Amino acid sequence: MGNMGINMAANLHKNGFDVKGYDLSEATLQRAEGMGIKPATTIKEVSTEVDYIVTSLPRTQDVEYILREDGGVFASASEGTCIVDSSTISPIAAKEFSE
């Protein structure tokens, strides 16, 4: 979730949404849980049984990894799930991911 994502997730939770969050850092997951965010330990877990997925990552290759890896977002999200990427990445890559 990082500096941006944890605050975005906390605001969603404060406004009545059930929120799951994923991060590589155990400390961030613990902090998120204290803010009412359900911690997920895998990309598959955070991408399953949700209506929306929001990503906010530092690099294009990070976005590509979480979307396309085995058990990643594309493999785990249900049909119709809205995926929103708020990362500052290559616009060409963003268009390819959208397709």
Protein backbone atom coordinates (compact mmCIF):
# COMPACT_ATOMS: atom_id res chain seq x y z
CA MET A 1 0.00 0.00 0.00
CA GLY A 2 2.86 2.39 0.63
CA ASN A 3 2.55 6.05 1.55
CA MET A 4 -0.18 6.81 -0.99
CA GLY A 5 -2.15 3.58 -0.97
CA ILE A 6 -2.58 3.19 2.76
CA ASN A 7 -4.13 6.64 3.06
CA MET A 8 -6.38 6.04 0.05
CA ALA A 9 -7.50 2.73 1.57
CA ALA A 10 -8.06 4.32 4.99
CA ASN A 11 -10.26 7.02 3.44
CA LEU A 12 -12.32 4.41 1.62
CA HIS A 13 -12.76 2.47 4.87
CA LYS A 14 -13.75 5.65 6.76
CA ASN A 15 -16.45 6.20 4.14
CA GLY A 16 -18.06 2.80 4.66
CA PHE A 17 -16.27 0.57 2.16
CA ASP A 18 -14.89 -2.85 3.05
CA VAL A 19 -11.24 -2.62 2.05
CA LYS A 20 -8.54 -5.23 1.60
CA GLY A 21 -4.93 -4.18 1.18
CA TYR A 22 -1.72 -5.85 0.06
CA ASP A 23 1.86 -4.84 0.74
CA LEU A 24 5.21 -6.59 0.85
CA SER A 25 5.91 -5.07 4.26
CA GLU A 26 4.50 -6.84 7.31
CA ALA A 27 4.73 -3.56 9.24
CA THR A 28 2.54 -1.82 6.65
CA LEU A 29 0.01 -4.65 6.78
CA GLN A 30 -0.15 -4.36 10.57
CA ARG A 31 -0.57 -0.60 10.35
CA ALA A 32 -3.33 -1.05 7.77
CA GLU A 33 -5.14 -3.57 9.96
CA GLY A 34 -5.10 -1.03 12.79
CA MET A 35 -6.82 1.40 10.41
CA GLY A 36 -9.63 -1.09 9.65
CA ILE A 37 -8.16 -2.41 6.40
CA LYS A 38 -8.19 -6.20 6.00
CA PRO A 39 -4.59 -7.25 5.28
CA ALA A 40 -3.96 -9.64 2.40
CA THR A 41 -0.75 -11.61 2.11
CA THR A 42 -0.92 -12.37 -1.63
CA ILE A 43 -2.00 -10.55 -4.76
CA LYS A 44 -4.48 -13.34 -5.40
CA GLU A 45 -6.07 -12.87 -1.97
CA VAL A 46 -6.45 -9.10 -2.40
CA SER A 47 -7.82 -9.47 -5.95
CA THR A 48 -10.46 -12.11 -5.22
CA GLU A 49 -14.12 -11.35 -4.47
CA VAL A 50 -13.88 -7.57 -4.86
CA ASP A 51 -15.68 -5.09 -7.07
CA TYR A 52 -12.76 -2.70 -7.48
CA ILE A 53 -8.98 -3.01 -7.49
CA VAL A 54 -6.88 0.14 -7.20
CA THR A 55 -3.15 0.05 -7.80
CA SER A 56 -0.69 2.82 -7.00
CA LEU A 57 2.81 1.60 -7.74
CA PRO A 58 6.12 3.35 -8.42
CA ARG A 59 7.16 1.74 -11.73
CA THR A 60 5.68 0.29 -14.91
CA GLN A 61 7.35 -3.08 -14.29
CA ASP A 62 5.76 -3.24 -10.81
CA VAL A 63 2.31 -2.76 -12.31
CA GLU A 64 3.00 -5.34 -15.02
CA TYR A 65 4.17 -7.84 -12.41
CA ILE A 66 1.09 -7.60 -10.16
CA LEU A 67 -1.26 -7.69 -13.13
CA ARG A 68 0.30 -10.54 -15.10
CA GLU A 69 2.08 -12.80 -12.62
CA ASP A 70 0.76 -16.30 -11.92
CA GLY A 71 -1.94 -15.63 -9.32
CA GLY A 72 -1.89 -11.91 -10.17
CA VAL A 73 -4.77 -9.53 -10.71
CA PHE A 74 -5.64 -10.63 -14.25
CA ALA A 75 -5.71 -14.29 -13.18
CA SER A 76 -7.55 -13.70 -9.89
CA ALA A 77 -10.08 -10.92 -10.41
CA SER A 78 -13.63 -11.84 -11.29
CA GLU A 79 -15.08 -10.85 -14.64
CA GLY A 80 -16.49 -7.35 -14.33
CA THR A 81 -14.11 -6.22 -11.59
CA CYS A 82 -13.10 -2.61 -12.20
CA ILE A 83 -9.30 -2.21 -12.15
CA VAL A 84 -8.02 1.33 -11.65
CA ASP A 85 -4.31 2.06 -11.88
CA SER A 86 -3.25 5.36 -10.31
CA SER A 87 0.46 4.72 -10.81
CA THR A 88 2.70 7.15 -12.67
CA ILE A 89 3.76 4.79 -15.44
CA SER A 90 4.31 4.62 -19.17
CA PRO A 91 1.11 5.68 -20.99
CA ILE A 92 1.89 3.10 -23.67
CA ALA A 93 2.04 0.33 -21.05
CA ALA A 94 -1.14 1.62 -19.39
CA LYS A 95 -2.97 1.36 -22.70
CA GLU A 96 -1.62 -2.18 -23.25
CA PHE A 97 -2.73 -3.24 -19.76
CA SER A 98 -6.18 -1.81 -20.44
CA GLU A 99 -6.53 -3.87 -23.58
